[in-house]
N, C-alpha and C. Protein backbone atom coordinates (compact mmCIF):
# COMPACT_ATOMS: atom_id res chain seq x y z
N MET A 1 -9.55 46.81 48.79
CA MET A 1 -8.79 46.10 48.63
C MET A 1 -8.62 45.10 47.92
N LYS A 2 -7.29 44.32 46.41
CA LYS A 2 -6.79 44.44 45.69
C LYS A 2 -7.04 42.68 45.34
N THR A 3 -7.45 42.14 45.14
CA THR A 3 -8.51 40.65 44.48
C THR A 3 -6.99 40.15 44.92
N SER A 4 -5.98 40.08 44.50
CA SER A 4 -5.04 39.58 44.40
C SER A 4 -5.03 39.72 46.70
N ILE A 5 -4.96 40.65 46.80
CA ILE A 5 -4.51 40.00 49.07
C ILE A 5 -5.56 39.55 49.44
N LYS A 6 -6.97 39.77 48.45
CA LYS A 6 -8.36 39.10 48.72
C LYS A 6 -8.24 36.94 49.24
N GLU A 7 -7.83 36.96 47.49
CA GLU A 7 -7.74 35.76 47.56
C GLU A 7 -6.62 35.22 48.04
N GLU A 8 -5.89 35.89 48.52
CA GLU A 8 -4.96 35.01 50.03
C GLU A 8 -5.16 34.87 50.89
N LEU A 9 -5.63 36.36 51.70
CA LEU A 9 -6.76 36.44 52.81
C LEU A 9 -7.81 35.18 52.61
N ILE A 10 -8.84 34.86 51.64
CA ILE A 10 -9.06 33.50 51.81
C ILE A 10 -8.92 32.67 52.21
N GLY A 11 -7.76 32.27 51.53
CA GLY A 11 -6.95 30.90 51.73
C GLY A 11 -6.70 30.79 52.65
N HIS A 12 -6.08 31.56 53.36
CA HIS A 12 -5.54 31.92 54.62
C HIS A 12 -6.69 31.25 55.70
N ILE A 13 -7.91 32.16 55.57
CA ILE A 13 -9.00 31.65 56.80
C ILE A 13 -9.66 30.39 56.49
N GLU A 14 -10.05 30.06 55.59
CA GLU A 14 -10.33 28.77 54.78
C GLU A 14 -9.29 27.64 55.37
N ASP A 15 -7.95 28.06 55.09
CA ASP A 15 -7.04 26.89 56.75
C ASP A 15 -6.96 26.85 57.89
N LYS A 16 -7.50 28.66 58.05
CA LYS A 16 -7.79 28.54 59.89
C LYS A 16 -8.89 27.56 60.51
N ILE A 17 -9.86 27.70 58.94
CA ILE A 17 -11.01 26.40 59.54
C ILE A 17 -10.93 24.97 59.38
N ASN A 18 -10.01 24.25 58.25
CA ASN A 18 -9.55 23.60 57.80
C ASN A 18 -8.68 23.02 59.13
N ASP A 19 -7.73 24.32 60.29
CA ASP A 19 -6.90 23.54 60.73
C ASP A 19 -7.78 23.73 62.29
N GLY A 20 -8.67 23.90 62.64
CA GLY A 20 -9.96 23.58 63.69
C GLY A 20 -9.55 24.89 64.34
N ILE A 21 -9.10 25.80 64.28
CA ILE A 21 -8.95 26.81 64.32
C ILE A 21 -9.76 28.14 65.13
N LEU A 22 -10.80 28.00 64.45
CA LEU A 22 -12.03 28.43 63.84
C LEU A 22 -13.16 27.52 64.41
N THR A 23 -14.15 27.69 64.61
CA THR A 23 -14.85 27.39 65.75
C THR A 23 -16.32 27.81 65.85
N ASN A 24 -17.11 27.26 65.84
CA ASN A 24 -18.72 27.32 65.92
C ASN A 24 -18.08 28.71 67.37
N ASP A 25 -17.63 28.53 68.22
CA ASP A 25 -17.56 28.44 69.77
C ASP A 25 -16.60 30.20 69.53
N ASN A 26 -15.52 29.47 68.81
CA ASN A 26 -14.93 31.34 69.02
C ASN A 26 -15.28 32.03 67.99
N LYS A 27 -17.01 32.36 67.29
CA LYS A 27 -16.82 33.20 66.47
C LYS A 27 -16.66 34.96 66.84
N ASP A 28 -16.48 35.09 67.86
CA ASP A 28 -16.15 36.26 68.22
C ASP A 28 -14.49 37.00 67.56
N GLU A 29 -13.83 35.38 67.86
CA GLU A 29 -12.49 35.68 67.68
C GLU A 29 -12.06 35.35 66.51
N TRP A 30 -12.74 34.85 65.92
CA TRP A 30 -12.09 34.88 63.92
C TRP A 30 -11.60 35.54 63.66
N HIS A 31 -11.79 36.67 63.20
CA HIS A 31 -10.48 38.20 62.96
C HIS A 31 -9.22 37.87 63.97
N TYR A 32 -9.30 36.78 65.34
CA TYR A 32 -8.31 37.17 66.22
C TYR A 32 -7.38 36.58 66.01
N TYR A 33 -8.03 34.90 65.89
CA TYR A 33 -7.08 33.45 65.41
C TYR A 33 -6.48 34.26 63.86
N CYS A 34 -7.12 34.83 63.16
CA CYS A 34 -6.54 34.89 61.99
C CYS A 34 -5.55 35.52 61.29
N PHE A 35 -5.43 36.69 62.12
CA PHE A 35 -5.16 37.75 61.37
C PHE A 35 -4.34 38.70 62.99
N ASN A 36 -4.44 38.10 63.95
CA ASN A 36 -3.91 38.58 64.80
C ASN A 36 -2.51 37.83 66.48
N GLU A 37 -3.51 36.59 66.15
CA GLU A 37 -2.45 35.74 67.28
C GLU A 37 -1.28 35.65 67.24
N ASP A 38 -0.83 35.34 65.42
CA ASP A 38 0.74 35.47 65.11
C ASP A 38 0.65 36.12 64.40
N TYR A 39 1.99 35.96 63.95
CA TYR A 39 2.55 37.37 62.36
C TYR A 39 2.01 36.24 61.15
N TYR A 40 0.96 37.11 60.59
CA TYR A 40 0.96 36.63 59.07
C TYR A 40 2.08 35.70 58.00
N ILE A 41 2.74 37.47 58.01
CA ILE A 41 4.53 36.98 57.36
C ILE A 41 5.16 37.54 58.58
N ILE A 42 6.04 36.34 58.50
CA ILE A 42 7.68 36.60 58.54
C ILE A 42 9.05 36.61 58.07
N GLY A 43 10.14 38.00 59.09
CA GLY A 43 10.75 38.62 57.44
C GLY A 43 10.56 39.07 57.16
N TYR A 44 11.36 41.03 56.81
CA TYR A 44 11.63 41.52 56.46
C TYR A 44 11.07 41.97 55.16
N TYR A 45 12.03 40.66 54.50
CA TYR A 45 12.81 39.92 53.10
C TYR A 45 11.17 40.07 52.30
N GLN A 46 10.21 38.40 53.21
CA GLN A 46 9.31 38.35 52.74
C GLN A 46 8.37 39.44 52.83
N ALA A 47 7.96 39.85 53.94
CA ALA A 47 6.61 41.04 53.63
C ALA A 47 7.06 41.82 52.91
N SER A 48 8.48 42.66 52.02
CA SER A 48 8.97 43.61 51.22
C SER A 48 8.49 42.74 49.50
N GLU A 49 8.97 41.31 49.03
CA GLU A 49 8.25 40.79 48.72
C GLU A 49 6.96 40.65 48.76
N TRP A 50 5.94 40.50 49.95
CA TRP A 50 4.87 40.48 49.63
C TRP A 50 4.18 41.82 48.91
N LEU A 51 4.61 43.10 49.80
CA LEU A 51 4.21 44.40 49.05
C LEU A 51 4.23 44.23 47.40
N LYS A 52 5.49 43.90 46.70
CA LYS A 52 5.74 43.50 45.02
C LYS A 52 5.10 42.65 44.62
N ARG A 53 4.54 41.47 45.14
CA ARG A 53 3.55 40.46 44.60
C ARG A 53 2.23 41.16 44.88
N HIS A 54 2.07 42.12 45.36
CA HIS A 54 0.94 42.70 44.99
C HIS A 54 0.24 43.88 45.09
N ARG A 55 1.77 44.63 44.78
CA ARG A 55 1.93 45.70 43.77
C ARG A 55 1.02 46.54 44.67
N ILE A 56 1.36 46.68 45.93
CA ILE A 56 1.85 47.84 47.00
C ILE A 56 3.23 48.63 47.17
N GLY A 57 3.49 50.32 46.69
CA GLY A 57 4.57 51.08 47.16
C GLY A 57 4.59 50.87 48.72
N GLU A 58 5.88 50.80 49.28
CA GLU A 58 5.79 50.85 50.75
C GLU A 58 5.50 52.25 51.19
N PHE A 59 4.97 53.33 51.28
CA PHE A 59 5.25 54.43 51.71
C PHE A 59 3.41 54.46 51.41
N GLU A 60 2.60 54.10 49.94
CA GLU A 60 1.65 53.44 50.53
C GLU A 60 1.09 52.51 51.88
N ALA A 61 1.36 52.03 51.20
CA ALA A 61 1.49 50.26 52.92
C ALA A 61 1.24 51.39 54.05
N VAL A 62 2.70 52.51 54.35
CA VAL A 62 2.00 53.26 55.61
C VAL A 62 1.01 53.76 55.88
N GLU A 63 0.55 54.51 55.07
CA GLU A 63 -0.30 55.65 54.46
C GLU A 63 -1.12 54.83 55.02
N ILE A 64 -1.86 53.90 54.86
CA ILE A 64 -2.97 53.05 54.81
C ILE A 64 -3.15 52.96 56.24
N VAL A 65 -1.63 51.95 56.28
CA VAL A 65 -1.92 51.66 58.00
C VAL A 65 -2.11 53.00 59.04
N LYS A 66 -0.96 53.90 58.84
CA LYS A 66 -1.11 55.54 59.32
C LYS A 66 -3.09 55.94 59.68
N ASN A 67 -3.37 55.83 58.68
CA ASN A 67 -5.09 56.28 58.04
C ASN A 67 -5.66 55.65 58.96
N TYR A 68 -6.00 53.80 59.69
CA TYR A 68 -6.31 53.00 59.90
C TYR A 68 -6.26 53.47 61.84
N GLU A 69 -4.43 53.19 62.00
CA GLU A 69 -4.84 53.60 62.99
C GLU A 69 -5.33 54.85 64.00
N LEU A 70 -4.73 55.62 63.09
CA LEU A 70 -4.90 57.06 63.75
C LEU A 70 -7.58 57.04 64.14
N GLU A 71 -7.54 56.31 62.66
CA GLU A 71 -9.09 56.70 63.37
C GLU A 71 -10.07 55.82 63.84
N HIS A 72 -8.89 54.48 63.97
CA HIS A 72 -9.52 53.64 65.68
C HIS A 72 -8.73 53.75 66.42
N PHE A 73 -7.69 53.96 66.48
CA PHE A 73 -6.74 53.98 68.05
C PHE A 73 -6.46 55.52 68.01
N GLY A 74 -6.20 56.40 68.05
CA GLY A 74 -6.05 57.88 67.63
C GLY A 74 -4.70 58.28 67.33
N GLU A 75 -4.10 56.77 66.79
CA GLU A 75 -2.28 57.39 67.61
C GLU A 75 -2.00 56.72 66.18
N PHE A 76 -0.98 56.62 65.52
CA PHE A 76 -0.04 55.33 64.48
C PHE A 76 0.94 54.46 65.41
N THR A 77 0.99 53.83 65.87
CA THR A 77 2.49 53.44 66.39
C THR A 77 2.49 51.81 65.83
N THR A 78 2.47 52.06 64.82
CA THR A 78 2.88 50.48 63.66
C THR A 78 4.56 51.07 64.04
N ASP A 79 5.25 49.87 64.15
CA ASP A 79 6.63 50.08 64.05
C ASP A 79 7.00 50.27 62.25
N ILE A 80 7.63 51.23 61.43
CA ILE A 80 8.11 51.37 60.48
C ILE A 80 9.02 50.71 59.72
N ASN A 81 8.60 49.21 59.17
CA ASN A 81 9.48 47.92 58.67
C ASN A 81 8.62 47.34 57.94
N SER A 82 9.01 46.94 56.47
CA SER A 82 8.18 45.61 55.81
C SER A 82 7.69 44.65 56.85
N GLU A 83 7.95 43.87 58.12
CA GLU A 83 7.03 43.02 58.49
C GLU A 83 6.33 43.74 59.75
N SER A 84 6.24 44.48 60.51
CA SER A 84 5.05 45.31 61.33
C SER A 84 4.38 45.53 60.31
N ILE A 85 4.48 46.60 58.90
CA ILE A 85 2.76 47.31 58.27
C ILE A 85 2.46 45.58 57.31
N VAL A 86 3.65 45.31 56.81
CA VAL A 86 2.42 43.83 56.04
C VAL A 86 2.04 43.17 56.95
N ASN A 87 2.06 42.92 58.24
CA ASN A 87 1.69 42.01 59.21
C ASN A 87 0.11 43.13 59.13
N MET A 88 0.40 44.16 59.70
CA MET A 88 -1.00 45.33 59.76
C MET A 88 -2.18 44.88 58.74
N LEU A 89 -0.92 45.27 57.50
CA LEU A 89 -2.24 45.41 56.67
C LEU A 89 -2.69 43.86 56.86
N ALA A 90 -2.23 43.16 56.76
CA ALA A 90 -3.30 41.51 56.65
C ALA A 90 -4.33 41.98 58.15
N TYR A 91 -3.58 42.13 59.10
CA TYR A 91 -5.01 43.39 59.79
C TYR A 91 -5.75 43.31 59.73
N ILE A 92 -5.71 44.58 58.95
CA ILE A 92 -6.57 45.48 58.09
C ILE A 92 -7.69 44.67 57.49
N TYR A 93 -6.84 44.44 56.47
CA TYR A 93 -7.75 43.24 54.70
C TYR A 93 -8.67 42.39 55.92
N GLY A 94 -8.01 41.60 56.62
CA GLY A 94 -8.41 40.71 56.96
C GLY A 94 -9.97 40.55 58.19
N GLU A 95 -9.32 42.13 58.76
CA GLU A 95 -10.94 43.02 59.52
C GLU A 95 -11.89 43.29 58.74
N GLU A 96 -11.93 43.49 57.31
CA GLU A 96 -12.79 44.09 56.61
C GLU A 96 -13.68 43.04 55.92
N LEU A 97 -12.32 41.68 55.24
CA LEU A 97 -13.51 40.83 54.95
C LEU A 97 -14.09 39.63 55.58
N ILE A 98 -13.58 39.32 56.81
CA ILE A 98 -14.63 38.80 57.86
C ILE A 98 -15.78 39.89 58.75
N TYR A 99 -15.59 40.69 58.44
CA TYR A 99 -16.68 41.61 59.10
C TYR A 99 -17.69 41.96 57.77
N SER A 100 -17.63 41.81 56.47
CA SER A 100 -18.30 42.19 55.94
C SER A 100 -19.12 40.49 55.28
N LEU A 101 -18.97 39.68 55.61
CA LEU A 101 -19.22 38.00 55.57
C LEU A 101 -20.59 38.40 56.99
N ASN A 102 -21.82 37.50 56.45
CA ASN A 102 -22.85 37.33 57.59
C ASN A 102 -22.99 36.21 58.13
N ALA A 103 -21.85 35.22 58.50
CA ALA A 103 -21.87 33.77 58.71
C ALA A 103 -21.67 34.02 60.18
N GLU A 104 -22.49 33.07 61.02
CA GLU A 104 -22.96 32.91 62.10
C GLU A 104 -22.42 31.46 62.94
N THR A 105 -21.81 30.88 61.57
CA THR A 105 -21.58 29.30 62.03
C THR A 105 -20.35 28.65 60.72
N VAL A 106 -18.78 27.94 61.03
CA VAL A 106 -17.77 27.79 60.36
C VAL A 106 -18.46 27.23 59.25
N PHE A 107 -19.21 26.73 58.96
CA PHE A 107 -20.37 25.85 57.37
C PHE A 107 -20.46 27.22 57.36
N GLN A 108 -21.29 28.56 57.46
CA GLN A 108 -21.35 29.64 56.87
C GLN A 108 -20.52 29.50 56.18
N LEU A 109 -19.59 30.34 57.03
CA LEU A 109 -18.22 31.08 56.66
C LEU A 109 -17.65 30.36 55.71
N LYS A 110 -17.39 29.24 55.67
CA LYS A 110 -16.49 28.60 54.60
C LYS A 110 -17.68 28.81 53.20
N ASN A 111 -18.32 28.13 52.76
CA ASN A 111 -19.69 28.72 52.14
C ASN A 111 -19.45 29.98 51.68
N GLU A 112 -18.96 31.07 52.41
CA GLU A 112 -19.43 32.44 52.08
C GLU A 112 -18.17 32.88 51.77
N LEU A 113 -16.96 32.33 51.82
CA LEU A 113 -15.99 32.58 51.15
C LEU A 113 -15.87 31.86 49.94
N LYS A 114 -16.70 31.08 48.98
CA LYS A 114 -16.01 30.25 48.49
C LYS A 114 -17.12 31.08 47.57
N GLU A 115 -18.05 31.90 47.47
CA GLU A 115 -18.93 32.54 47.04
C GLU A 115 -18.23 34.03 46.60
N LEU A 116 -17.26 34.39 47.13
CA LEU A 116 -16.53 35.62 46.80
C LEU A 116 -15.28 35.53 46.03
């Protein structure tokens, strides 16, 4: 995961903490609430700009999503458009980020994010 993406996703997770969406009671659902409950990026243009900002080519992005889905779900089902691909990338990278941490509480999560 590129540093720019990691920093952006850390900010997104911190926003969810500050908004009270992530709690100690829903720890098993932190990834869901951050990256699956709603779209991360809305709009094709905004998604295309996100890819450019993070220097990810369209074909590279599709390949990352395709490989992830084939490995985890056995099939590639995400629509091939910038919005769907970017939202799936956020899902994938968000999963990698959240599950790389050993936080058991929101307080620990916040502290571990600051250390990254």
